[in-house]
């Protein structure tokens, strides 16, 4: 009996960060790489204002016009990421997504399995994940490591300013599935707003 797969389960993780920052998503298999880009942005709450591209089998895929503006001589050709759909991949395929060429956030994307949902999916969902992604513009992996040391040391002369810069609160272990799933479900909405800072934990009233 033929089974029509209409969704794909992916695991996306940030490279070079331990403990691992990762998300597991289920997306419509008909989505193209531009839509996957938006889903990744939503899943990690990136702000989507830096250059980005997919690197697959030694080739580059992205917004051709946008990347052409930033290209230098001898840069490899960029292929249109709207022309590649998730259903074009095989189960087990692994490729890279790069966000912010300055900070250089490399994400490993794994096509875990294709699935047949009862209802044809129109939006993505997040089903699992762990840990908070680094703050935007923190300076890549080395900058993030320094950032964590500063906010953990109240005696560091940069502690107060750094904490203020990141919104007054940052927990590298933070992950709220309900919040992330809502973000992913809204990934394709136009003019979607991103949270500027990590949600602060709610104060719990002492028991009386």
Protein backbone atom coordinates (compact mmCIF):
# COMPACT_ATOMS: atom_id res chain seq x y z
CA UNK A 1 0.00 0.00 0.00
CA UNK A 2 1.43 3.39 -1.03
CA UNK A 3 1.87 5.91 1.78
CA UNK A 4 2.04 9.59 0.93
CA UNK A 5 4.50 11.35 3.16
CA UNK A 6 3.42 14.94 3.74
CA UNK A 7 5.80 15.98 6.53
CA UNK A 8 9.42 15.65 7.49
CA UNK A 9 11.07 15.47 10.91
CA UNK A 10 14.34 17.35 11.23
CA UNK A 11 16.89 17.88 13.96
CA UNK A 12 18.79 21.17 13.92
CA UNK A 13 21.73 21.83 16.23
CA UNK A 14 24.22 24.64 16.70
CA UNK A 15 27.78 23.55 15.98
CA UNK A 16 30.73 24.02 18.37
CA UNK A 17 28.63 24.68 21.48
CA UNK A 18 28.55 22.32 24.46
CA UNK A 19 26.18 21.38 25.98
CA UNK A 20 24.34 21.18 22.68
CA UNK A 21 21.69 23.69 21.62
CA UNK A 22 19.17 21.87 19.43
CA UNK A 23 15.58 21.71 18.16
CA UNK A 24 13.50 18.93 16.60
CA UNK A 25 10.90 20.14 14.11
CA UNK A 26 8.16 18.60 11.99
CA UNK A 27 7.57 20.62 8.82
CA UNK A 28 5.49 20.20 5.66
CA UNK A 29 7.59 18.21 3.20
CA UNK A 30 6.54 20.54 0.37
CA UNK A 31 8.29 23.49 2.04
CA UNK A 32 11.32 24.87 0.25
CA UNK A 33 14.64 25.94 1.78
CA UNK A 34 13.49 29.54 2.18
CA UNK A 35 10.65 28.29 4.38
CA UNK A 36 13.08 26.04 6.26
CA UNK A 37 15.25 29.11 6.85
CA UNK A 38 12.27 30.90 8.42
CA UNK A 39 11.46 27.84 10.55
CA UNK A 40 15.03 27.68 11.87
CA UNK A 41 14.96 31.39 12.62
CA UNK A 42 11.75 30.91 14.59
CA UNK A 43 12.93 27.78 16.41
CA UNK A 44 16.04 29.54 17.72
CA UNK A 45 14.46 33.00 17.92
CA UNK A 46 17.13 34.46 15.68
CA UNK A 47 16.19 37.96 14.51
CA UNK A 48 16.59 37.30 10.76
CA UNK A 49 18.55 40.45 9.97
CA UNK A 50 21.88 38.88 8.99
CA UNK A 51 22.94 37.10 5.82
CA UNK A 52 22.29 33.38 5.70
CA UNK A 53 22.68 30.40 3.39
CA UNK A 54 22.50 26.63 3.18
CA UNK A 55 25.57 24.61 2.25
CA UNK A 56 24.66 21.29 0.71
CA UNK A 57 27.09 18.92 -0.96
CA UNK A 58 29.63 21.67 -1.53
CA UNK A 59 27.05 24.02 -3.08
CA UNK A 60 25.53 27.22 -1.70
CA UNK A 61 21.79 27.89 -1.61
CA UNK A 62 20.18 31.14 -0.54
CA UNK A 63 18.60 34.39 -1.64
CA UNK A 64 20.58 34.96 -4.84
CA UNK A 65 19.96 38.71 -5.06
CA UNK A 66 20.76 39.31 -1.40
CA UNK A 67 23.96 37.28 -1.39
CA UNK A 68 25.11 38.76 -4.70
CA UNK A 69 25.24 42.19 -3.07
CA UNK A 70 27.76 40.88 -0.53
CA UNK A 71 29.72 38.68 -2.91
CA UNK A 72 33.43 39.08 -3.55
CA UNK A 73 35.41 37.90 -6.55
CA UNK A 74 35.76 34.11 -6.85
CA UNK A 75 32.87 33.43 -4.44
CA UNK A 76 31.13 30.17 -5.42
CA UNK A 77 27.85 30.58 -7.26
CA UNK A 78 24.71 30.75 -5.11
CA UNK A 79 21.66 28.71 -6.17
CA UNK A 80 18.12 29.86 -5.41
CA UNK A 81 16.95 28.24 -2.17
CA UNK A 82 13.33 28.50 -3.33
CA UNK A 83 14.00 25.82 -5.93
CA UNK A 84 14.83 23.06 -3.42
CA UNK A 85 12.11 21.42 -1.34
CA UNK A 86 12.43 19.25 1.72
CA UNK A 87 10.93 16.31 -0.18
CA UNK A 88 13.94 16.48 -2.52
CA UNK A 89 16.17 15.11 0.26
CA UNK A 90 16.63 11.52 1.35
CA UNK A 91 16.14 10.32 4.89
CA UNK A 92 19.42 10.67 6.78
CA UNK A 93 20.66 13.60 4.70
CA UNK A 94 22.83 16.08 6.61
CA UNK A 95 23.62 19.63 5.54
CA UNK A 96 24.58 23.00 6.98
CA UNK A 97 22.73 26.26 7.58
CA UNK A 98 24.82 29.36 8.26
CA UNK A 99 23.39 32.49 9.87
CA UNK A 100 25.29 35.76 10.37
CA UNK A 101 28.50 35.50 8.37
CA UNK A 102 30.26 37.69 10.94
CA UNK A 103 29.44 35.63 14.04
CA UNK A 104 29.32 32.49 11.89
CA UNK A 105 26.54 30.46 13.48
CA UNK A 106 26.69 27.06 11.78
CA UNK A 107 23.71 24.75 12.23
CA UNK A 108 23.74 21.05 11.37
CA UNK A 109 20.44 19.97 9.81
CA UNK A 110 19.54 16.27 9.78
CA UNK A 111 16.58 14.87 7.83
CA UNK A 112 15.53 12.25 10.38
CA UNK A 113 12.43 10.80 8.73
CA UNK A 114 9.49 11.46 6.45
CA UNK A 115 6.08 10.98 8.04
CA UNK A 116 2.46 10.74 6.91
CA UNK A 117 0.20 12.93 9.02
CA UNK A 118 -3.57 12.42 8.99
CA UNK A 119 -4.18 16.03 8.05
CA UNK A 120 -2.07 17.81 5.46
CA UNK A 121 0.20 20.14 7.49
CA UNK A 122 0.12 23.85 6.75
CA UNK A 123 2.59 24.96 9.42
CA UNK A 124 5.60 23.64 11.26
CA UNK A 125 5.82 22.50 14.87
CA UNK A 126 8.60 22.01 17.40
CA UNK A 127 8.37 18.74 19.32
CA UNK A 128 11.64 18.75 21.28
CA UNK A 129 14.71 20.82 22.01
CA UNK A 130 17.22 21.92 24.58
CA UNK A 131 19.02 25.04 25.76
CA UNK A 132 18.97 28.67 24.71
CA UNK A 133 20.72 29.96 21.64
CA UNK A 134 23.45 32.60 22.19
CA UNK A 135 22.49 36.28 22.08
CA UNK A 136 22.54 37.97 18.68
CA UNK A 137 25.78 39.81 17.86
CA UNK A 138 27.66 38.26 20.80
CA UNK A 139 30.71 37.57 18.63
CA UNK A 140 30.35 33.95 17.56
CA UNK A 141 31.46 30.97 19.62
CA UNK A 142 34.49 32.72 21.24
CA UNK A 143 32.36 35.76 22.07
CA UNK A 144 29.66 33.58 23.57
CA UNK A 145 32.15 31.73 25.77
CA UNK A 146 33.46 35.06 27.07
CA UNK A 147 29.90 36.33 27.53
CA UNK A 148 29.01 33.34 29.73
CA UNK A 149 32.09 33.88 31.91
CA UNK A 150 31.28 37.57 32.38
CA UNK A 151 27.62 37.11 33.37
CA UNK A 152 28.59 34.30 35.76
CA UNK A 153 31.12 36.51 37.59
CA UNK A 154 29.57 39.44 39.46
CA UNK A 155 33.06 40.78 40.21
CA UNK A 156 33.91 41.13 36.51
CA UNK A 157 34.09 44.85 35.61
CA UNK A 158 31.99 44.17 32.49
CA UNK A 159 29.30 42.18 34.35
CA UNK A 160 26.75 44.97 34.85
CA UNK A 161 26.96 46.37 31.32
CA UNK A 162 26.93 42.92 29.75
CA UNK A 163 23.91 41.84 31.75
CA UNK A 164 22.09 45.03 30.77
CA UNK A 165 23.03 44.44 27.12
CA UNK A 166 21.38 41.01 27.10
CA UNK A 167 18.17 42.28 28.69
CA UNK A 168 19.09 41.87 32.34
CA UNK A 169 18.79 38.08 32.37
CA UNK A 170 20.22 35.11 30.49
CA UNK A 171 20.03 31.40 31.32
CA UNK A 172 21.97 29.21 28.84
CA UNK A 173 19.88 26.22 29.93
CA UNK A 174 16.56 27.89 29.10
CA UNK A 175 14.14 26.10 26.79
CA UNK A 176 10.34 26.41 26.84
CA UNK A 177 8.71 24.03 24.37
CA UNK A 178 5.37 25.86 24.38
CA UNK A 179 7.01 29.18 23.50
CA UNK A 180 9.28 27.72 20.83
CA UNK A 181 6.47 25.67 19.28
CA UNK A 182 4.29 28.80 19.04
CA UNK A 183 7.17 30.63 17.34
CA UNK A 184 7.61 27.82 14.80
CA UNK A 185 3.87 27.67 14.08
CA UNK A 186 4.03 31.39 13.25
CA UNK A 187 7.29 31.14 11.29
CA UNK A 188 5.77 32.09 7.93
CA UNK A 189 3.61 34.93 9.17
CA UNK A 190 4.59 38.28 7.62
CA UNK A 191 6.18 40.88 9.88
CA UNK A 192 6.49 38.40 12.76
CA UNK A 193 8.10 39.95 15.83
CA UNK A 194 10.98 38.29 17.60
CA UNK A 195 11.58 38.56 21.33
CA UNK A 196 14.52 40.89 21.90
CA UNK A 197 15.55 39.07 25.05
CA UNK A 198 15.05 35.78 26.82
CA UNK A 199 11.87 35.61 28.93
CA UNK A 200 12.58 36.17 32.59
CA UNK A 201 11.33 33.49 34.99
CA UNK A 202 8.13 34.33 36.82
CA UNK A 203 8.48 34.96 40.51
CA UNK A 204 6.78 32.38 42.66
CA UNK A 205 5.00 33.56 45.77
CA UNK A 206 6.17 31.86 48.99
CA UNK A 207 3.71 29.37 50.44
CA UNK A 208 1.72 30.65 53.41
